[in-house]
All heavy atoms as atom14 arrays in JSON, in Angstrom:
{
  "sequence": "ASLAPSRMGLKTLLVTSNINNIGSMPCNTSIGGPAKGIIVREIDALGG",
  "atom14_mask": [
    [1, 1, 1, 1, 1, 0, 0, 0, 0, 0, 0, 0, 0, 0],
    [1, 1, 1, 1, 1, 1, 0, 0, 0, 0, 0, 0, 0, 0],
    [1, 1, 1, 1, 1, 1, 1, 1, 0, 0, 0, 0, 0, 0],
    [1, 1, 1, 1, 1, 0, 0, 0, 0, 0, 0, 0, 0, 0],
    [1, 1, 1, 1, 1, 1, 1, 0, 0, 0, 0, 0, 0, 0],
    [1, 1, 1, 1, 1, 1, 0, 0, 0, 0, 0, 0, 0, 0],
    [1, 1, 1, 1, 1, 1, 1, 1, 1, 1, 1, 0, 0, 0],
    [1, 1, 1, 1, 1, 1, 1, 1, 0, 0, 0, 0, 0, 0],
    [1, 1, 1, 1, 0, 0, 0, 0, 0, 0, 0, 0, 0, 0],
    [1, 1, 1, 1, 1, 1, 1, 1, 0, 0, 0, 0, 0, 0],
    [1, 1, 1, 1, 1, 1, 1, 1, 1, 0, 0, 0, 0, 0],
    [1, 1, 1, 1, 1, 1, 1, 0, 0, 0, 0, 0, 0, 0],
    [1, 1, 1, 1, 1, 1, 1, 1, 0, 0, 0, 0, 0, 0],
    [1, 1, 1, 1, 1, 1, 1, 1, 0, 0, 0, 0, 0, 0],
    [1, 1, 1, 1, 1, 1, 1, 0, 0, 0, 0, 0, 0, 0],
    [1, 1, 1, 1, 1, 1, 1, 0, 0, 0, 0, 0, 0, 0],
    [1, 1, 1, 1, 1, 1, 0, 0, 0, 0, 0, 0, 0, 0],
    [1, 1, 1, 1, 1, 1, 1, 1, 0, 0, 0, 0, 0, 0],
    [1, 1, 1, 1, 1, 1, 1, 1, 0, 0, 0, 0, 0, 0],
    [1, 1, 1, 1, 1, 1, 1, 1, 0, 0, 0, 0, 0, 0],
    [1, 1, 1, 1, 1, 1, 1, 1, 0, 0, 0, 0, 0, 0],
    [1, 1, 1, 1, 1, 1, 1, 1, 0, 0, 0, 0, 0, 0],
    [1, 1, 1, 1, 0, 0, 0, 0, 0, 0, 0, 0, 0, 0],
    [1, 1, 1, 1, 1, 1, 0, 0, 0, 0, 0, 0, 0, 0],
    [1, 1, 1, 1, 1, 1, 1, 1, 0, 0, 0, 0, 0, 0],
    [1, 1, 1, 1, 1, 1, 1, 0, 0, 0, 0, 0, 0, 0],
    [1, 1, 1, 1, 1, 1, 0, 0, 0, 0, 0, 0, 0, 0],
    [1, 1, 1, 1, 1, 1, 1, 1, 0, 0, 0, 0, 0, 0],
    [1, 1, 1, 1, 1, 1, 1, 0, 0, 0, 0, 0, 0, 0],
    [1, 1, 1, 1, 1, 1, 0, 0, 0, 0, 0, 0, 0, 0],
    [1, 1, 1, 1, 1, 1, 1, 1, 0, 0, 0, 0, 0, 0],
    [1, 1, 1, 1, 0, 0, 0, 0, 0, 0, 0, 0, 0, 0],
    [1, 1, 1, 1, 0, 0, 0, 0, 0, 0, 0, 0, 0, 0],
    [1, 1, 1, 1, 1, 1, 1, 0, 0, 0, 0, 0, 0, 0],
    [1, 1, 1, 1, 1, 0, 0, 0, 0, 0, 0, 0, 0, 0],
    [1, 1, 1, 1, 1, 1, 1, 1, 1, 0, 0, 0, 0, 0],
    [1, 1, 1, 1, 0, 0, 0, 0, 0, 0, 0, 0, 0, 0],
    [1, 1, 1, 1, 1, 1, 1, 1, 0, 0, 0, 0, 0, 0],
    [1, 1, 1, 1, 1, 1, 1, 1, 0, 0, 0, 0, 0, 0],
    [1, 1, 1, 1, 1, 1, 1, 0, 0, 0, 0, 0, 0, 0],
    [1, 1, 1, 1, 1, 1, 1, 1, 1, 1, 1, 0, 0, 0],
    [1, 1, 1, 1, 1, 1, 1, 1, 1, 0, 0, 0, 0, 0],
    [1, 1, 1, 1, 1, 1, 1, 1, 0, 0, 0, 0, 0, 0],
    [1, 1, 1, 1, 1, 1, 1, 1, 0, 0, 0, 0, 0, 0],
    [1, 1, 1, 1, 1, 0, 0, 0, 0, 0, 0, 0, 0, 0],
    [1, 1, 1, 1, 1, 1, 1, 1, 0, 0, 0, 0, 0, 0],
    [1, 1, 1, 1, 0, 0, 0, 0, 0, 0, 0, 0, 0, 0],
    [1, 1, 1, 1, 0, 0, 0, 0, 0, 0, 0, 0, 0, 0]
  ],
  "atom14_positions": [
    [[0.97, -2.85, -8.12], [0.37, -2.35, -9.36], [1.32, -2.46, -10.54], [0.89, -2.59, -11.68], [-0.07, -0.9, -9.18], [0.0, 0.0, 0.0], [0.0, 0.0, 0.0], [0.0, 0.0, 0.0], [0.0, 0.0, 0.0], [0.0, 0.0, 0.0], [0.0, 0.0, 0.0], [0.0, 0.0, 0.0], [0.0, 0.0, 0.0], [0.0, 0.0, 0.0]],
    [[2.63, -2.4, -10.28], [3.62, -2.51, -11.36], [4.05, -3.95, -11.6], [4.33, -4.34, -12.75], [4.83, -1.63, -11.06], [5.44, -2.0, -9.83], [0.0, 0.0, 0.0], [0.0, 0.0, 0.0], [0.0, 0.0, 0.0], [0.0, 0.0, 0.0], [0.0, 0.0, 0.0], [0.0, 0.0, 0.0], [0.0, 0.0, 0.0], [0.0, 0.0, 0.0]],
    [[4.11, -4.76, -10.55], [4.52, -6.15, -10.74], [3.46, -6.96, -11.48], [3.78, -7.81, -12.31], [4.81, -6.8, -9.39], [6.07, -6.34, -8.65], [6.17, -7.01, -7.29], [7.32, -6.62, -9.48], [0.0, 0.0, 0.0], [0.0, 0.0, 0.0], [0.0, 0.0, 0.0], [0.0, 0.0, 0.0], [0.0, 0.0, 0.0], [0.0, 0.0, 0.0]],
    [[2.18, -6.69, -11.19], [1.11, -7.49, -11.8], [1.12, -7.41, -13.32], [1.18, -8.45, -14.0], [-0.25, -7.07, -11.24], [0.0, 0.0, 0.0], [0.0, 0.0, 0.0], [0.0, 0.0, 0.0], [0.0, 0.0, 0.0], [0.0, 0.0, 0.0], [0.0, 0.0, 0.0], [0.0, 0.0, 0.0], [0.0, 0.0, 0.0], [0.0, 0.0, 0.0]],
    [[1.07, -6.21, -13.94], [1.08, -6.18, -15.41], [2.38, -6.66, -16.02], [2.37, -7.31, -17.08], [0.82, -4.7, -15.73], [1.17, -3.95, -14.5], [0.89, -4.87, -13.37], [0.0, 0.0, 0.0], [0.0, 0.0, 0.0], [0.0, 0.0, 0.0], [0.0, 0.0, 0.0], [0.0, 0.0, 0.0], [0.0, 0.0, 0.0], [0.0, 0.0, 0.0]],
    [[3.51, -6.38, -15.37], [4.78, -6.84, -15.94], [4.87, -8.35, -15.9], [5.39, -8.98, -16.85], [5.96, -6.2, -15.19], [5.92, -6.49, -13.8], [0.0, 0.0, 0.0], [0.0, 0.0, 0.0], [0.0, 0.0, 0.0], [0.0, 0.0, 0.0], [0.0, 0.0, 0.0], [0.0, 0.0, 0.0], [0.0, 0.0, 0.0], [0.0, 0.0, 0.0]],
    [[4.34, -8.97, -14.85], [4.34, -10.43, -14.78], [3.33, -11.04, -15.75], [3.45, -12.22, -16.11], [4.05, -10.87, -13.34], [5.22, -10.62, -12.39], [4.85, -10.85, -10.94], [6.03, -10.76, -10.08], [6.0, -10.81, -8.75], [4.84, -10.93, -8.12], [7.11, -10.72, -8.06], [0.0, 0.0, 0.0], [0.0, 0.0, 0.0], [0.0, 0.0, 0.0]],
    [[2.33, -10.25, -16.13], [1.33, -10.7, -17.1], [1.75, -10.38, -18.53], [0.96, -10.51, -19.47], [-0.02, -10.08, -16.77], [-0.59, -10.57, -15.44], [-2.05, -9.64, -14.87], [-3.32, -10.33, -15.92], [0.0, 0.0, 0.0], [0.0, 0.0, 0.0], [0.0, 0.0, 0.0], [0.0, 0.0, 0.0], [0.0, 0.0, 0.0], [0.0, 0.0, 0.0]],
    [[3.02, -9.91, -18.69], [3.59, -9.75, -20.03], [3.48, -8.38, -20.64], [3.84, -8.19, -21.81], [0.0, 0.0, 0.0], [0.0, 0.0, 0.0], [0.0, 0.0, 0.0], [0.0, 0.0, 0.0], [0.0, 0.0, 0.0], [0.0, 0.0, 0.0], [0.0, 0.0, 0.0], [0.0, 0.0, 0.0], [0.0, 0.0, 0.0], [0.0, 0.0, 0.0]],
    [[3.02, -7.37, -19.87], [2.86, -6.03, -20.42], [4.09, -5.17, -20.13], [4.73, -5.31, -19.09], [1.62, -5.36, -19.83], [0.32, -5.53, -20.64], [-0.02, -7.0, -20.82], [-0.83, -4.78, -19.98], [0.0, 0.0, 0.0], [0.0, 0.0, 0.0], [0.0, 0.0, 0.0], [0.0, 0.0, 0.0], [0.0, 0.0, 0.0], [0.0, 0.0, 0.0]],
    [[4.37, -4.27, -21.06], [5.48, -3.32, -20.9], [5.06, -2.27, -19.88], [4.14, -1.49, -20.12], [5.84, -2.69, -22.24], [7.12, -1.86, -22.19], [7.46, -1.3, -23.57], [8.75, -0.47, -23.5], [9.06, 0.15, -24.81], [0.0, 0.0, 0.0], [0.0, 0.0, 0.0], [0.0, 0.0, 0.0], [0.0, 0.0, 0.0], [0.0, 0.0, 0.0]],
    [[5.76, -2.23, -18.75], [5.32, -1.43, -17.61], [6.43, -0.48, -17.16], [7.62, -0.82, -17.22], [4.94, -2.36, -16.43], [3.99, -3.33, -16.89], [4.33, -1.58, -15.28], [0.0, 0.0, 0.0], [0.0, 0.0, 0.0], [0.0, 0.0, 0.0], [0.0, 0.0, 0.0], [0.0, 0.0, 0.0], [0.0, 0.0, 0.0], [0.0, 0.0, 0.0]],
    [[6.03, 0.7, -16.7], [6.97, 1.7, -16.17], [6.52, 2.1, -14.78], [5.34, 2.44, -14.56], [7.0, 2.94, -17.07], [7.81, 4.14, -16.55], [9.29, 3.81, -16.47], [7.59, 5.37, -17.43], [0.0, 0.0, 0.0], [0.0, 0.0, 0.0], [0.0, 0.0, 0.0], [0.0, 0.0, 0.0], [0.0, 0.0, 0.0], [0.0, 0.0, 0.0]],
    [[7.43, 2.07, -13.83], [7.18, 2.57, -12.48], [7.94, 3.88, -12.29], [9.17, 3.91, -12.42], [7.62, 1.55, -11.43], [7.57, 1.98, -9.96], [6.16, 2.4, -9.56], [8.06, 0.87, -9.04], [0.0, 0.0, 0.0], [0.0, 0.0, 0.0], [0.0, 0.0, 0.0], [0.0, 0.0, 0.0], [0.0, 0.0, 0.0], [0.0, 0.0, 0.0]],
    [[7.21, 4.95, -12.0], [7.82, 6.27, -11.76], [7.69, 6.58, -10.28], [6.58, 6.58, -9.73], [7.11, 7.38, -12.57], [7.85, 8.7, -12.39], [7.02, 7.01, -14.04], [0.0, 0.0, 0.0], [0.0, 0.0, 0.0], [0.0, 0.0, 0.0], [0.0, 0.0, 0.0], [0.0, 0.0, 0.0], [0.0, 0.0, 0.0], [0.0, 0.0, 0.0]],
    [[8.8, 6.83, -9.62], [8.77, 7.14, -8.19], [9.75, 8.27, -7.9], [10.77, 8.42, -8.58], [9.13, 5.89, -7.36], [9.05, 6.2, -5.97], [10.52, 5.37, -7.68], [0.0, 0.0, 0.0], [0.0, 0.0, 0.0], [0.0, 0.0, 0.0], [0.0, 0.0, 0.0], [0.0, 0.0, 0.0], [0.0, 0.0, 0.0], [0.0, 0.0, 0.0]],
    [[9.44, 9.07, -6.89], [10.28, 10.23, -6.59], [11.62, 9.85, -5.99], [12.58, 10.61, -6.07], [9.53, 11.18, -5.65], [9.21, 10.53, -4.43], [0.0, 0.0, 0.0], [0.0, 0.0, 0.0], [0.0, 0.0, 0.0], [0.0, 0.0, 0.0], [0.0, 0.0, 0.0], [0.0, 0.0, 0.0], [0.0, 0.0, 0.0], [0.0, 0.0, 0.0]],
    [[11.7, 8.66, -5.39], [12.94, 8.21, -4.76], [13.0, 6.69, -4.82], [12.26, 6.01, -4.09], [13.02, 8.71, -3.31], [14.36, 8.41, -2.66], [15.13, 7.57, -3.13], [14.66, 9.11, -1.58], [0.0, 0.0, 0.0], [0.0, 0.0, 0.0], [0.0, 0.0, 0.0], [0.0, 0.0, 0.0], [0.0, 0.0, 0.0], [0.0, 0.0, 0.0]],
    [[13.86, 6.16, -5.67], [13.95, 4.71, -5.84], [14.32, 4.02, -4.53], [13.86, 2.91, -4.25], [14.98, 4.38, -6.94], [14.42, 4.78, -8.31], [15.35, 2.9, -6.93], [15.38, 4.62, -9.46], [0.0, 0.0, 0.0], [0.0, 0.0, 0.0], [0.0, 0.0, 0.0], [0.0, 0.0, 0.0], [0.0, 0.0, 0.0], [0.0, 0.0, 0.0]],
    [[15.09, 4.68, -3.69], [15.49, 4.08, -2.41], [14.35, 3.99, -1.41], [14.5, 3.37, -0.35], [16.64, 4.88, -1.8], [17.92, 4.79, -2.61], [18.21, 3.75, -3.21], [18.68, 5.88, -2.67], [0.0, 0.0, 0.0], [0.0, 0.0, 0.0], [0.0, 0.0, 0.0], [0.0, 0.0, 0.0], [0.0, 0.0, 0.0], [0.0, 0.0, 0.0]],
    [[13.22, 4.61, -1.74], [12.06, 4.56, -0.85], [11.01, 3.54, -1.29], [9.95, 3.45, -0.68], [11.4, 5.94, -0.76], [11.92, 6.74, 0.43], [12.8, 6.26, 1.16], [11.42, 7.92, 0.62], [0.0, 0.0, 0.0], [0.0, 0.0, 0.0], [0.0, 0.0, 0.0], [0.0, 0.0, 0.0], [0.0, 0.0, 0.0], [0.0, 0.0, 0.0]],
    [[11.29, 2.81, -2.35], [10.34, 1.77, -2.78], [10.15, 0.76, -1.66], [11.11, 0.22, -1.12], [10.85, 1.07, -4.06], [10.79, 2.03, -5.26], [10.06, -0.2, -4.34], [11.39, 1.47, -6.52], [0.0, 0.0, 0.0], [0.0, 0.0, 0.0], [0.0, 0.0, 0.0], [0.0, 0.0, 0.0], [0.0, 0.0, 0.0], [0.0, 0.0, 0.0]],
    [[8.9, 0.53, -1.28], [8.6, -0.43, -0.22], [8.89, 0.07, 1.18], [8.91, -0.73, 2.13], [0.0, 0.0, 0.0], [0.0, 0.0, 0.0], [0.0, 0.0, 0.0], [0.0, 0.0, 0.0], [0.0, 0.0, 0.0], [0.0, 0.0, 0.0], [0.0, 0.0, 0.0], [0.0, 0.0, 0.0], [0.0, 0.0, 0.0], [0.0, 0.0, 0.0]],
    [[9.1, 1.37, 1.34], [9.45, 1.9, 2.67], [8.26, 1.8, 3.62], [7.11, 1.69, 3.21], [9.9, 3.36, 2.57], [8.82, 4.2, 2.21], [0.0, 0.0, 0.0], [0.0, 0.0, 0.0], [0.0, 0.0, 0.0], [0.0, 0.0, 0.0], [0.0, 0.0, 0.0], [0.0, 0.0, 0.0], [0.0, 0.0, 0.0], [0.0, 0.0, 0.0]],
    [[8.56, 1.83, 4.91], [7.55, 1.73, 5.95], [7.67, 2.95, 6.87], [8.27, 2.87, 7.94], [7.74, 0.45, 6.75], [7.54, -0.8, 5.92], [7.89, -2.28, 6.87], [6.73, -3.43, 6.13], [0.0, 0.0, 0.0], [0.0, 0.0, 0.0], [0.0, 0.0, 0.0], [0.0, 0.0, 0.0], [0.0, 0.0, 0.0], [0.0, 0.0, 0.0]],
    [[7.08, 4.09, 6.46], [7.22, 5.31, 7.27], [6.47, 5.26, 8.58], [6.76, 6.02, 9.49], [6.66, 6.4, 6.35], [5.73, 5.68, 5.44], [6.33, 4.33, 5.22], [0.0, 0.0, 0.0], [0.0, 0.0, 0.0], [0.0, 0.0, 0.0], [0.0, 0.0, 0.0], [0.0, 0.0, 0.0], [0.0, 0.0, 0.0], [0.0, 0.0, 0.0]],
    [[5.49, 4.35, 8.69], [4.76, 4.21, 9.95], [5.13, 2.87, 10.58], [6.29, 2.51, 10.65], [3.26, 4.36, 9.71], [2.34, 4.81, 11.2], [0.0, 0.0, 0.0], [0.0, 0.0, 0.0], [0.0, 0.0, 0.0], [0.0, 0.0, 0.0], [0.0, 0.0, 0.0], [0.0, 0.0, 0.0], [0.0, 0.0, 0.0], [0.0, 0.0, 0.0]],
    [[4.16, 2.11, 11.01], [4.44, 0.86, 11.71], [5.13, -0.16, 10.8], [4.73, -0.34, 9.66], [3.12, 0.27, 12.24], [3.35, -0.8, 13.28], [4.48, -1.2, 13.53], [2.28, -1.26, 13.88], [0.0, 0.0, 0.0], [0.0, 0.0, 0.0], [0.0, 0.0, 0.0], [0.0, 0.0, 0.0], [0.0, 0.0, 0.0], [0.0, 0.0, 0.0]],
    [[6.14, -0.81, 11.34], [6.85, -1.82, 10.55], [6.2, -3.19, 10.76], [6.85, -4.16, 11.14], [8.33, -1.88, 10.95], [8.43, -2.14, 12.35], [9.03, -0.59, 10.63], [0.0, 0.0, 0.0], [0.0, 0.0, 0.0], [0.0, 0.0, 0.0], [0.0, 0.0, 0.0], [0.0, 0.0, 0.0], [0.0, 0.0, 0.0], [0.0, 0.0, 0.0]],
    [[4.91, -3.26, 10.47], [4.21, -4.53, 10.59], [3.42, -4.81, 9.32], [3.04, -3.9, 8.59], [3.25, -4.53, 11.8], [2.14, -3.7, 11.55], [0.0, 0.0, 0.0], [0.0, 0.0, 0.0], [0.0, 0.0, 0.0], [0.0, 0.0, 0.0], [0.0, 0.0, 0.0], [0.0, 0.0, 0.0], [0.0, 0.0, 0.0], [0.0, 0.0, 0.0]],
    [[3.21, -6.09, 9.06], [2.38, -6.55, 7.96], [1.34, -7.49, 8.53], [1.66, -8.43, 9.25], [3.23, -7.3, 6.9], [4.28, -6.37, 6.28], [2.33, -7.89, 5.81], [3.73, -5.27, 5.42], [0.0, 0.0, 0.0], [0.0, 0.0, 0.0], [0.0, 0.0, 0.0], [0.0, 0.0, 0.0], [0.0, 0.0, 0.0], [0.0, 0.0, 0.0]],
    [[0.07, -7.24, 8.19], [-1.0, -8.11, 8.66], [-1.71, -7.54, 9.87], [-1.72, -6.34, 10.1], [0.0, 0.0, 0.0], [0.0, 0.0, 0.0], [0.0, 0.0, 0.0], [0.0, 0.0, 0.0], [0.0, 0.0, 0.0], [0.0, 0.0, 0.0], [0.0, 0.0, 0.0], [0.0, 0.0, 0.0], [0.0, 0.0, 0.0], [0.0, 0.0, 0.0]],
    [[-2.3, -8.43, 10.66], [-3.14, -8.02, 11.78], [-4.59, -8.36, 11.49], [-4.9, -8.96, 10.45], [0.0, 0.0, 0.0], [0.0, 0.0, 0.0], [0.0, 0.0, 0.0], [0.0, 0.0, 0.0], [0.0, 0.0, 0.0], [0.0, 0.0, 0.0], [0.0, 0.0, 0.0], [0.0, 0.0, 0.0], [0.0, 0.0, 0.0], [0.0, 0.0, 0.0]],
    [[-5.5, -8.01, 12.38], [-6.92, -8.35, 12.17], [-7.43, -7.88, 10.81], [-7.27, -6.72, 10.45], [-7.62, -7.6, 13.32], [-6.58, -7.49, 14.39], [-5.26, -7.32, 13.65], [0.0, 0.0, 0.0], [0.0, 0.0, 0.0], [0.0, 0.0, 0.0], [0.0, 0.0, 0.0], [0.0, 0.0, 0.0], [0.0, 0.0, 0.0], [0.0, 0.0, 0.0]],
    [[-8.01, -8.77, 10.06], [-8.54, -8.53, 8.7], [-7.42, -8.25, 7.7], [-7.4, -8.8, 6.6], [-9.56, -7.39, 8.7], [0.0, 0.0, 0.0], [0.0, 0.0, 0.0], [0.0, 0.0, 0.0], [0.0, 0.0, 0.0], [0.0, 0.0, 0.0], [0.0, 0.0, 0.0], [0.0, 0.0, 0.0], [0.0, 0.0, 0.0], [0.0, 0.0, 0.0]],
    [[-6.45, -7.41, 8.06], [-5.36, -7.06, 7.16], [-4.52, -8.29, 6.79], [-4.06, -8.42, 5.66], [-4.45, -6.02, 7.82], [-5.1, -4.65, 8.04], [-4.23, -3.83, 9.0], [-4.68, -2.39, 9.11], [-4.13, -1.54, 8.05], [0.0, 0.0, 0.0], [0.0, 0.0, 0.0], [0.0, 0.0, 0.0], [0.0, 0.0, 0.0], [0.0, 0.0, 0.0]],
    [[-4.3, -9.18, 7.76], [-3.53, -10.39, 7.49], [-4.21, -11.27, 6.45], [-3.55, -11.93, 5.66], [0.0, 0.0, 0.0], [0.0, 0.0, 0.0], [0.0, 0.0, 0.0], [0.0, 0.0, 0.0], [0.0, 0.0, 0.0], [0.0, 0.0, 0.0], [0.0, 0.0, 0.0], [0.0, 0.0, 0.0], [0.0, 0.0, 0.0], [0.0, 0.0, 0.0]],
    [[-5.55, -11.27, 6.45], [-6.29, -12.05, 5.47], [-6.13, -11.42, 4.08], [-6.02, -12.13, 3.08], [-7.77, -12.17, 5.88], [-7.86, -12.89, 7.24], [-8.56, -12.93, 4.82], [-9.24, -12.94, 7.84], [0.0, 0.0, 0.0], [0.0, 0.0, 0.0], [0.0, 0.0, 0.0], [0.0, 0.0, 0.0], [0.0, 0.0, 0.0], [0.0, 0.0, 0.0]],
    [[-6.09, -10.09, 4.02], [-5.82, -9.42, 2.75], [-4.47, -9.86, 2.19], [-4.34, -10.12, 0.99], [-5.85, -7.88, 2.92], [-7.28, -7.39, 3.15], [-5.24, -7.18, 1.71], [-7.39, -5.89, 3.35], [0.0, 0.0, 0.0], [0.0, 0.0, 0.0], [0.0, 0.0, 0.0], [0.0, 0.0, 0.0], [0.0, 0.0, 0.0], [0.0, 0.0, 0.0]],
    [[-3.47, -9.97, 3.05], [-2.13, -10.37, 2.59], [-2.16, -11.8, 2.05], [-1.52, -12.11, 1.03], [-1.08, -10.23, 3.71], [0.3, -10.6, 3.2], [-1.08, -8.81, 4.26], [0.0, 0.0, 0.0], [0.0, 0.0, 0.0], [0.0, 0.0, 0.0], [0.0, 0.0, 0.0], [0.0, 0.0, 0.0], [0.0, 0.0, 0.0], [0.0, 0.0, 0.0]],
    [[-2.93, -12.68, 2.69], [-3.09, -14.04, 2.18], [-3.77, -14.04, 0.81], [-3.42, -14.81, -0.08], [-3.92, -14.86, 3.17], [-3.25, -15.09, 4.51], [-2.29, -16.24, 4.48], [-2.97, -17.51, 4.61], [-2.36, -18.69, 4.68], [-1.04, -18.74, 4.62], [-3.04, -19.81, 4.81], [0.0, 0.0, 0.0], [0.0, 0.0, 0.0], [0.0, 0.0, 0.0]],
    [[-4.73, -13.14, 0.64], [-5.43, -13.02, -0.65], [-4.5, -12.47, -1.72], [-4.54, -12.92, -2.88], [-6.66, -12.13, -0.49], [-7.72, -12.76, 0.4], [-8.89, -11.83, 0.71], [-8.82, -10.63, 0.38], [-9.87, -12.32, 1.29], [0.0, 0.0, 0.0], [0.0, 0.0, 0.0], [0.0, 0.0, 0.0], [0.0, 0.0, 0.0], [0.0, 0.0, 0.0]],
    [[-3.66, -11.51, -1.34], [-2.66, -10.99, -2.27], [-1.77, -12.12, -2.76], [-1.46, -12.24, -3.95], [-1.82, -9.89, -1.59], [-2.67, -8.62, -1.39], [-0.56, -9.57, -2.4], [-2.02, -7.59, -0.5], [0.0, 0.0, 0.0], [0.0, 0.0, 0.0], [0.0, 0.0, 0.0], [0.0, 0.0, 0.0], [0.0, 0.0, 0.0], [0.0, 0.0, 0.0]],
    [[-1.37, -13.0, -1.85], [-0.53, -14.13, -2.23], [-1.27, -15.08, -3.16], [-0.71, -15.54, -4.17], [-0.09, -14.88, -0.97], [0.91, -15.98, -1.29], [2.04, -15.65, -1.67], [0.54, -17.17, -1.19], [0.0, 0.0, 0.0], [0.0, 0.0, 0.0], [0.0, 0.0, 0.0], [0.0, 0.0, 0.0], [0.0, 0.0, 0.0], [0.0, 0.0, 0.0]],
    [[-2.53, -15.38, -2.84], [-3.31, -16.31, -3.66], [-3.5, -15.78, -5.07], [-3.65, -16.56, -6.02], [-4.66, -16.57, -3.0], [0.0, 0.0, 0.0], [0.0, 0.0, 0.0], [0.0, 0.0, 0.0], [0.0, 0.0, 0.0], [0.0, 0.0, 0.0], [0.0, 0.0, 0.0], [0.0, 0.0, 0.0], [0.0, 0.0, 0.0], [0.0, 0.0, 0.0]],
    [[-3.49, -14.45, -5.24], [-3.67, -13.82, -6.55], [-2.34, -13.56, -7.26], [-2.32, -13.0, -8.34], [-4.43, -12.5, -6.38], [-5.91, -12.64, -5.98], [-6.45, -11.31, -5.51], [-6.73, -13.18, -7.14], [0.0, 0.0, 0.0], [0.0, 0.0, 0.0], [0.0, 0.0, 0.0], [0.0, 0.0, 0.0], [0.0, 0.0, 0.0], [0.0, 0.0, 0.0]],
    [[-1.23, -13.95, -6.63], [0.07, -13.82, -7.29], [0.86, -12.59, -6.91], [1.83, -12.25, -7.57], [0.0, 0.0, 0.0], [0.0, 0.0, 0.0], [0.0, 0.0, 0.0], [0.0, 0.0, 0.0], [0.0, 0.0, 0.0], [0.0, 0.0, 0.0], [0.0, 0.0, 0.0], [0.0, 0.0, 0.0], [0.0, 0.0, 0.0], [0.0, 0.0, 0.0]],
    [[0.46, -11.9, -5.83], [1.15, -10.69, -5.4], [2.43, -10.96, -4.64], [2.81, -12.12, -4.4], [0.0, 0.0, 0.0], [0.0, 0.0, 0.0], [0.0, 0.0, 0.0], [0.0, 0.0, 0.0], [0.0, 0.0, 0.0], [0.0, 0.0, 0.0], [0.0, 0.0, 0.0], [0.0, 0.0, 0.0], [0.0, 0.0, 0.0], [0.0, 0.0, 0.0]]
  ]
}
């Protein structure tokens, strides 16, 4: 949500309670899987 507008040229601010937790994986350390993996491919196709 913060990378998209900043890459599209907008002045963006990301506020988080702990900078060291950005992108953390508190549950399963996996990306993708049934249906979810296709979402990740779509995220890539849209510039994510």
